[in-house]
Amino acid sequence: MLKNHKLASAIADCGFYEFRRQLTYKCEWYGSTLVIADRFYPSSQICSHCG
């Protein structure tokens, strides 16, 4: 996400709460499912294949 400079600066300008709020709104608008992981969930430390 932060490789895209325009997106990164837009997120930095509005803050993560506003970004999350907008993302939630857009997912509801388009009928998509948004999965929000806990802030301290070790998602990068768990094997995606074996759990």
PDB file of N, CA and C in Angstrom:
ATOM      1  N   MET A   1       0.824  -1.179   0.000  1.00  0.00           N
ATOM      2  CA  MET A   1       0.000   0.000   0.000  1.00  0.00           C
ATOM      3  C   MET A   1       0.873   1.250   0.000  1.00  0.00           C
ATOM      4  N   LEU A   2       1.943   1.243   0.744  1.00  0.00           N
ATOM      5  CA  LEU A   2       2.756   2.443   0.842  1.00  0.00           C
ATOM      6  C   LEU A   2       3.689   2.626  -0.348  1.00  0.00           C
ATOM      7  N   LYS A   3       3.718   1.665  -1.274  1.00  0.00           N
ATOM      8  CA  LYS A   3       4.496   1.854  -2.495  1.00  0.00           C
ATOM      9  C   LYS A   3       3.821   2.873  -3.407  1.00  0.00           C
ATOM     10  N   ASN A   4       2.503   2.951  -3.318  1.00  0.00           N
ATOM     11  CA  ASN A   4       1.762   3.933  -4.097  1.00  0.00           C
ATOM     12  C   ASN A   4       1.817   5.264  -3.342  1.00  0.00           C
ATOM     13  N   HIS A   5       2.629   6.188  -3.823  1.00  0.00           N
ATOM     14  CA  HIS A   5       2.887   7.432  -3.102  1.00  0.00           C
ATOM     15  C   HIS A   5       1.623   8.270  -2.922  1.00  0.00           C
ATOM     16  N   LYS A   6       0.786   8.343  -3.938  1.00  0.00           N
ATOM     17  CA  LYS A   6      -0.438   9.148  -3.821  1.00  0.00           C
ATOM     18  C   LYS A   6      -1.385   8.561  -2.783  1.00  0.00           C
ATOM     19  N   LEU A   7      -1.519   7.236  -2.784  1.00  0.00           N
ATOM     20  CA  LEU A   7      -2.375   6.587  -1.798  1.00  0.00           C
ATOM     21  C   LEU A   7      -1.809   6.760  -0.395  1.00  0.00           C
ATOM     22  N   ALA A   8      -0.507   6.620  -0.256  1.00  0.00           N
ATOM     23  CA  ALA A   8       0.126   6.761   1.053  1.00  0.00           C
ATOM     24  C   ALA A   8      -0.053   8.170   1.607  1.00  0.00           C
ATOM     25  N   SER A   9       0.096   9.176   0.769  1.00  0.00           N
ATOM     26  CA  SER A   9      -0.071  10.548   1.255  1.00  0.00           C
ATOM     27  C   SER A   9      -1.529  10.840   1.570  1.00  0.00           C
ATOM     28  N   ALA A  10      -2.449  10.249   0.826  1.00  0.00           N
ATOM     29  CA  ALA A  10      -3.867  10.447   1.113  1.00  0.00           C
ATOM     30  C   ALA A  10      -4.241   9.823   2.454  1.00  0.00           C
ATOM     31  N   ILE A  11      -3.696   8.646   2.739  1.00  0.00           N
ATOM     32  CA  ILE A  11      -3.962   7.990   4.016  1.00  0.00           C
ATOM     33  C   ILE A  11      -3.332   8.781   5.155  1.00  0.00           C
ATOM     34  N   ALA A  12      -2.148   9.292   4.946  1.00  0.00           N
ATOM     35  CA  ALA A  12      -1.483  10.077   5.984  1.00  0.00           C
ATOM     36  C   ALA A  12      -2.243  11.370   6.260  1.00  0.00           C
ATOM     37  N   ASP A  13      -2.851  11.947   5.237  1.00  0.00           N
ATOM     38  CA  ASP A  13      -3.600  13.182   5.417  1.00  0.00           C
ATOM     39  C   ASP A  13      -4.874  12.962   6.227  1.00  0.00           C
ATOM     40  N   CYS A  14      -5.597  11.909   5.944  1.00  0.00           N
ATOM     41  CA  CYS A  14      -6.889  11.718   6.602  1.00  0.00           C
ATOM     42  C   CYS A  14      -6.792  10.865   7.861  1.00  0.00           C
ATOM     43  N   GLY A  15      -5.747  10.113   8.021  1.00  0.00           N
ATOM     44  CA  GLY A  15      -5.604   9.263   9.197  1.00  0.00           C
ATOM     45  C   GLY A  15      -6.220   7.899   8.953  1.00  0.00           C
ATOM     46  N   PHE A  16      -5.775   6.929   9.739  1.00  0.00           N
ATOM     47  CA  PHE A  16      -6.234   5.563   9.525  1.00  0.00           C
ATOM     48  C   PHE A  16      -7.684   5.358   9.934  1.00  0.00           C
ATOM     49  N   TYR A  17      -8.182   6.104  10.912  1.00  0.00           N
ATOM     50  CA  TYR A  17      -9.580   5.934  11.305  1.00  0.00           C
ATOM     51  C   TYR A  17     -10.502   6.324  10.165  1.00  0.00           C
ATOM     52  N   GLU A  18     -10.228   7.444   9.545  1.00  0.00           N
ATOM     53  CA  GLU A  18     -11.060   7.898   8.428  1.00  0.00           C
ATOM     54  C   GLU A  18     -10.942   6.941   7.249  1.00  0.00           C
ATOM     55  N   PHE A  19      -9.747   6.430   7.000  1.00  0.00           N
ATOM     56  CA  PHE A  19      -9.551   5.457   5.931  1.00  0.00           C
ATOM     57  C   PHE A  19     -10.375   4.198   6.196  1.00  0.00           C
ATOM     58  N   ARG A  20     -10.353   3.721   7.438  1.00  0.00           N
ATOM     59  CA  ARG A  20     -11.132   2.534   7.795  1.00  0.00           C
ATOM     60  C   ARG A  20     -12.626   2.806   7.670  1.00  0.00           C
ATOM     61  N   ARG A  21     -13.069   3.983   8.077  1.00  0.00           N
ATOM     62  CA  ARG A  21     -14.479   4.343   7.981  1.00  0.00           C
ATOM     63  C   ARG A  21     -14.937   4.368   6.527  1.00  0.00           C
ATOM     64  N   GLN A  22     -14.127   4.979   5.665  1.00  0.00           N
ATOM     65  CA  GLN A  22     -14.459   5.038   4.244  1.00  0.00           C
ATOM     66  C   GLN A  22     -14.449   3.650   3.613  1.00  0.00           C
ATOM     67  N   LEU A  23     -13.488   2.831   3.996  1.00  0.00           N
ATOM     68  CA  LEU A  23     -13.405   1.474   3.466  1.00  0.00           C
ATOM     69  C   LEU A  23     -14.622   0.650   3.887  1.00  0.00           C
ATOM     70  N   THR A  24     -15.050   0.800   5.125  1.00  0.00           N
ATOM     71  CA  THR A  24     -16.246   0.118   5.608  1.00  0.00           C
ATOM     72  C   THR A  24     -17.471   0.570   4.830  1.00  0.00           C
ATOM     73  N   TYR A  25     -17.591   1.864   4.610  1.00  0.00           N
ATOM     74  CA  TYR A  25     -18.713   2.421   3.859  1.00  0.00           C
ATOM     75  C   TYR A  25     -18.746   1.889   2.429  1.00  0.00           C
ATOM     76  N   LYS A  26     -17.598   1.881   1.770  1.00  0.00           N
ATOM     77  CA  LYS A  26     -17.536   1.409   0.387  1.00  0.00           C
ATOM     78  C   LYS A  26     -17.835  -0.084   0.287  1.00  0.00           C
ATOM     79  N   CYS A  27     -17.384  -0.859   1.264  1.00  0.00           N
ATOM     80  CA  CYS A  27     -17.686  -2.293   1.248  1.00  0.00           C
ATOM     81  C   CYS A  27     -19.182  -2.537   1.415  1.00  0.00           C
ATOM     82  N   GLU A  28     -19.826  -1.774   2.283  1.00  0.00           N
ATOM     83  CA  GLU A  28     -21.274  -1.887   2.429  1.00  0.00           C
ATOM     84  C   GLU A  28     -21.976  -1.453   1.149  1.00  0.00           C
ATOM     85  N   TRP A  29     -21.489  -0.415   0.516  1.00  0.00           N
ATOM     86  CA  TRP A  29     -22.076   0.127  -0.709  1.00  0.00           C
ATOM     87  C   TRP A  29     -22.041  -0.900  -1.839  1.00  0.00           C
ATOM     88  N   TYR A  30     -20.913  -1.595  -1.976  1.00  0.00           N
ATOM     89  CA  TYR A  30     -20.743  -2.560  -3.057  1.00  0.00           C
ATOM     90  C   TYR A  30     -21.079  -3.995  -2.653  1.00  0.00           C
ATOM     91  N   GLY A  31     -21.489  -4.218  -1.420  1.00  0.00           N
ATOM     92  CA  GLY A  31     -21.855  -5.551  -0.965  1.00  0.00           C
ATOM     93  C   GLY A  31     -20.665  -6.466  -0.731  1.00  0.00           C
ATOM     94  N   SER A  32     -19.516  -5.885  -0.453  1.00  0.00           N
ATOM     95  CA  SER A  32     -18.306  -6.666  -0.195  1.00  0.00           C
ATOM     96  C   SER A  32     -18.162  -6.941   1.300  1.00  0.00           C
ATOM     97  N   THR A  33     -17.301  -7.877   1.615  1.00  0.00           N
ATOM     98  CA  THR A  33     -17.025  -8.211   3.007  1.00  0.00           C
ATOM     99  C   THR A  33     -15.672  -7.641   3.403  1.00  0.00           C
ATOM    100  N   LEU A  34     -15.651  -6.927   4.505  1.00  0.00           N
ATOM    101  CA  LEU A  34     -14.413  -6.357   5.026  1.00  0.00           C
ATOM    102  C   LEU A  34     -14.030  -7.113   6.288  1.00  0.00           C
ATOM    103  N   VAL A  35     -12.838  -7.659   6.304  1.00  0.00           N
ATOM    104  CA  VAL A  35     -12.342  -8.378   7.476  1.00  0.00           C
ATOM    105  C   VAL A  35     -11.263  -7.519   8.114  1.00  0.00           C
ATOM    106  N   ILE A  36     -11.495  -7.129   9.352  1.00  0.00           N
ATOM    107  CA  ILE A  36     -10.547  -6.282  10.069  1.00  0.00           C
ATOM    108  C   ILE A  36      -9.876  -7.126  11.144  1.00  0.00           C
ATOM    109  N   ALA A  37      -8.590  -7.292  11.013  1.00  0.00           N
ATOM    110  CA  ALA A  37      -7.824  -8.071  11.992  1.00  0.00           C
ATOM    111  C   ALA A  37      -7.525  -7.205  13.209  1.00  0.00           C
ATOM    112  N   ASP A  38      -7.423  -7.854  14.350  1.00  0.00           N
ATOM    113  CA  ASP A  38      -7.057  -7.163  15.572  1.00  0.00           C
ATOM    114  C   ASP A  38      -5.682  -6.521  15.407  1.00  0.00           C
ATOM    115  N   ARG A  39      -5.488  -5.432  16.061  1.00  0.00           N
ATOM    116  CA  ARG A  39      -4.246  -4.678  15.942  1.00  0.00           C
ATOM    117  C   ARG A  39      -3.016  -5.500  16.319  1.00  0.00           C
ATOM    118  N   PHE A  40      -3.161  -6.372  17.285  1.00  0.00           N
ATOM    119  CA  PHE A  40      -2.027  -7.158  17.759  1.00  0.00           C
ATOM    120  C   PHE A  40      -2.070  -8.603  17.272  1.00  0.00           C
ATOM    121  N   TYR A  41      -2.892  -8.909  16.281  1.00  0.00           N
ATOM    122  CA  TYR A  41      -2.966 -10.265  15.736  1.00  0.00           C
ATOM    123  C   TYR A  41      -1.704 -10.551  14.936  1.00  0.00           C
ATOM    124  N   PRO A  42      -0.989 -11.632  15.255  1.00  0.00           N
ATOM    125  CA  PRO A  42       0.297 -11.905  14.587  1.00  0.00           C
ATOM    126  C   PRO A  42       0.125 -12.552  13.212  1.00  0.00           C
ATOM    127  N   SER A  43      -0.528 -11.862  12.302  1.00  0.00           N
ATOM    128  CA  SER A  43      -0.849 -12.456  11.002  1.00  0.00           C
ATOM    129  C   SER A  43       0.386 -12.748  10.162  1.00  0.00           C
ATOM    130  N   SER A  44       1.436 -11.999  10.336  1.00  0.00           N
ATOM    131  CA  SER A  44       2.638 -12.242   9.543  1.00  0.00           C
ATOM    132  C   SER A  44       3.511 -13.336  10.157  1.00  0.00           C
ATOM    133  N   GLN A  45       3.133 -13.828  11.330  1.00  0.00           N
ATOM    134  CA  GLN A  45       3.938 -14.832  12.010  1.00  0.00           C
ATOM    135  C   GLN A  45       3.315 -16.220  11.964  1.00  0.00           C
ATOM    136  N   ILE A  46       2.123 -16.337  11.373  1.00  0.00           N
ATOM    137  CA  ILE A  46       1.432 -17.616  11.305  1.00  0.00           C
ATOM    138  C   ILE A  46       1.477 -18.125   9.873  1.00  0.00           C
ATOM    139  N   CYS A  47       1.778 -19.396   9.710  1.00  0.00           N
ATOM    140  CA  CYS A  47       1.831 -20.011   8.386  1.00  0.00           C
ATOM    141  C   CYS A  47       0.427 -20.029   7.785  1.00  0.00           C
ATOM    142  N   SER A  48       0.271 -19.533   6.576  1.00  0.00           N
ATOM    143  CA  SER A  48      -1.040 -19.495   5.937  1.00  0.00           C
ATOM    144  C   SER A  48      -1.498 -20.878   5.492  1.00  0.00           C
ATOM    145  N   HIS A  49      -0.586 -21.828   5.397  1.00  0.00           N
ATOM    146  CA  HIS A  49      -0.941 -23.171   4.940  1.00  0.00           C
ATOM    147  C   HIS A  49      -1.311 -24.102   6.099  1.00  0.00           C
ATOM    148  N   CYS A  50      -0.501 -24.137   7.118  1.00  0.00           N
ATOM    149  CA  CYS A  50      -0.737 -25.111   8.197  1.00  0.00           C
ATOM    150  C   CYS A  50      -1.317 -24.488   9.459  1.00  0.00           C
ATOM    151  N   GLY A  51      -1.418 -23.162   9.513  1.00  0.00           N
ATOM    152  CA  GLY A  51      -2.022 -22.522  10.665  1.00  0.00           C
ATOM    153  C   GLY A  51      -1.037 -22.228  11.712  1.00  0.00           C
TER     154      GLY A  51
END
